[in-house]
Amino acid sequence: VQLVESGGGSVQAGMSPTLSCVASGFADSNYCLGWFRQAPGKEREGVASIIFGSGQTFYADSVKGRFTVAQDSAKNTLSLRMNSLKPEDTGMYYCAADPVVVTPGWICGRKPWDSYKYRGQGTQVTVSS
């Protein structure tokens, strides 16, 4: 199983890039896929997550209404559309996957980074004002 993120870079505030994470090797459904980020000098935080299969999504308050997490089962891809970026969105963005059936579903929205079995290497997003 391998997770590979892409789509990061340096952008201006207000722009709307999309991050992608190719997650190969999964066949079952109802497990968590998540996006995390870590800003310099800060702890890693959960940004968004989705239950693969049902498509139920969860968002951190700081990105709710601006970011959209989605899955493409055919392409084994997890995406994060980031609208109206702000300088405080700057950080290393990571995707993660845990191939364990999650129940009840709300657990996916609170699943910490360390509990994910598979984690990507990250892609840097730098937002300038």
Protein backbone atom coordinates (compact mmCIF):
# COMPACT_ATOMS: atom_id res chain seq x y z
CA VAL A 1 0.00 0.00 0.00
CA GLN A 2 1.34 3.37 -0.95
CA LEU A 3 0.05 6.93 -0.63
CA VAL A 4 1.47 9.63 -2.88
CA GLU A 5 0.38 13.26 -2.58
CA SER A 6 0.66 15.89 -5.29
CA GLY A 7 -0.63 19.33 -6.15
CA GLY A 8 1.19 21.45 -3.60
CA GLY A 9 3.20 24.56 -4.35
CA SER A 10 3.36 28.29 -3.78
CA VAL A 11 0.10 30.12 -4.39
CA GLN A 12 -1.43 33.52 -3.78
CA ALA A 13 -4.11 34.01 -1.16
CA GLY A 14 -7.55 33.51 -2.61
CA MET A 15 -6.51 30.86 -5.09
CA SER A 16 -8.13 27.40 -5.19
CA PRO A 17 -5.72 24.55 -5.86
CA THR A 18 -6.56 20.86 -5.49
CA LEU A 19 -4.37 18.31 -3.80
CA SER A 20 -4.45 14.68 -4.87
CA CYS A 21 -3.47 11.48 -3.15
CA VAL A 22 -3.21 8.23 -5.03
CA ALA A 23 -4.05 5.44 -2.65
CA SER A 24 -3.43 2.08 -4.26
CA GLY A 25 -4.01 -1.31 -2.74
CA PHE A 26 -7.40 -0.94 -1.10
CA ALA A 27 -10.39 -3.04 -2.02
CA ASP A 28 -12.82 -2.82 0.88
CA SER A 29 -15.03 0.08 1.83
CA ASN A 30 -16.16 1.94 4.93
CA TYR A 31 -12.76 2.96 6.13
CA CYS A 32 -11.26 6.38 6.77
CA LEU A 33 -9.19 8.47 4.41
CA GLY A 34 -7.91 11.72 5.80
CA TRP A 35 -6.01 14.91 5.08
CA PHE A 36 -3.78 16.45 7.71
CA ARG A 37 -1.51 19.47 7.70
CA GLN A 38 1.35 20.76 9.77
CA ALA A 39 2.44 24.38 9.83
CA PRO A 40 5.94 25.35 10.94
CA GLY A 41 6.20 25.24 14.71
CA LYS A 42 2.73 23.79 15.13
CA GLU A 43 1.29 20.36 15.73
CA ARG A 44 -0.15 18.31 12.91
CA GLU A 45 -3.91 18.79 12.67
CA GLY A 46 -6.71 17.01 10.91
CA VAL A 47 -8.18 19.01 8.04
CA ALA A 48 -10.75 16.73 6.43
CA SER A 49 -11.67 13.09 6.22
CA ILE A 50 -14.00 10.87 4.27
CA ILE A 51 -15.40 7.39 4.69
CA PHE A 52 -14.41 5.47 1.58
CA GLY A 53 -17.56 3.93 0.20
CA SER A 54 -20.30 5.96 1.84
CA GLY A 55 -18.64 9.28 1.05
CA GLN A 56 -19.51 10.80 4.42
CA THR A 57 -17.21 13.75 5.03
CA PHE A 58 -15.85 15.61 8.03
CA TYR A 59 -14.05 18.95 8.24
CA ALA A 60 -12.10 20.96 10.75
CA ASP A 61 -13.84 24.20 11.67
CA SER A 62 -10.95 26.20 10.22
CA VAL A 63 -11.61 24.89 6.70
CA LYS A 64 -15.32 24.14 6.75
CA GLY A 65 -17.02 25.79 3.81
CA ARG A 66 -13.72 26.34 1.96
CA PHE A 67 -12.23 22.87 1.54
CA THR A 68 -13.86 19.84 -0.08
CA VAL A 69 -12.61 16.28 0.29
CA ALA A 70 -13.65 13.73 -2.29
CA GLN A 71 -12.89 10.21 -3.42
CA ASP A 72 -12.59 8.76 -6.89
CA SER A 73 -12.96 5.03 -6.44
CA ALA A 74 -12.18 4.22 -10.06
CA LYS A 75 -8.87 6.05 -9.86
CA ASN A 76 -8.12 5.20 -6.22
CA THR A 77 -7.64 8.90 -5.63
CA LEU A 78 -8.41 11.12 -2.70
CA SER A 79 -8.60 14.84 -3.42
CA LEU A 80 -8.74 18.03 -1.40
CA ARG A 81 -10.12 21.07 -3.15
CA MET A 82 -8.99 24.16 -1.28
CA ASN A 83 -10.94 27.32 -2.03
CA SER A 84 -10.10 30.85 -0.90
CA LEU A 85 -6.74 29.96 0.54
CA LYS A 86 -5.36 32.08 3.36
CA PRO A 87 -1.76 32.51 4.53
CA GLU A 88 -2.64 30.54 7.66
CA ASP A 89 -3.39 27.53 5.43
CA THR A 90 0.33 27.25 4.75
CA GLY A 91 1.82 23.93 5.76
CA MET A 92 2.78 20.42 4.76
CA TYR A 93 -0.31 18.49 3.74
CA TYR A 94 -0.49 14.74 4.23
CA CYS A 95 -3.00 12.11 3.28
CA ALA A 96 -3.63 9.00 5.34
CA ALA A 97 -5.64 5.81 5.11
CA ASP A 98 -6.63 3.15 7.59
CA PRO A 99 -8.12 -0.02 6.05
CA VAL A 100 -10.28 -0.89 9.03
CA VAL A 101 -14.05 -0.72 8.85
CA VAL A 102 -15.10 2.31 10.83
CA THR A 103 -18.27 2.25 12.90
CA PRO A 104 -19.91 4.46 13.88
CA GLY A 105 -18.98 6.79 11.07
CA TRP A 106 -18.33 9.89 13.20
CA ILE A 107 -15.15 8.26 14.47
CA CYS A 108 -13.59 9.07 11.10
CA GLY A 109 -13.96 12.77 11.83
CA ARG A 110 -11.93 12.47 15.03
CA LYS A 111 -9.37 9.91 14.02
CA PRO A 112 -5.88 11.07 15.00
CA TRP A 113 -2.85 10.96 12.72
CA ASP A 114 -1.08 8.26 14.69
CA SER A 115 -4.01 5.88 14.35
CA TYR A 116 -3.80 5.75 10.56
CA LYS A 117 -1.91 2.70 9.35
CA TYR A 118 -0.78 4.25 6.07
CA ARG A 119 0.48 7.83 5.76
CA GLY A 120 1.93 9.79 2.87
CA GLN A 121 5.11 11.83 2.76
CA GLY A 122 3.31 15.12 2.29
CA THR A 123 3.15 17.96 -0.19
CA GLN A 124 3.98 21.55 0.76
CA VAL A 125 1.44 24.33 0.32
CA THR A 126 2.67 27.89 0.79
CA VAL A 127 0.14 30.71 0.65
CA SER A 128 1.38 34.26 0.26
CA SER A 129 -0.69 37.36 0.87
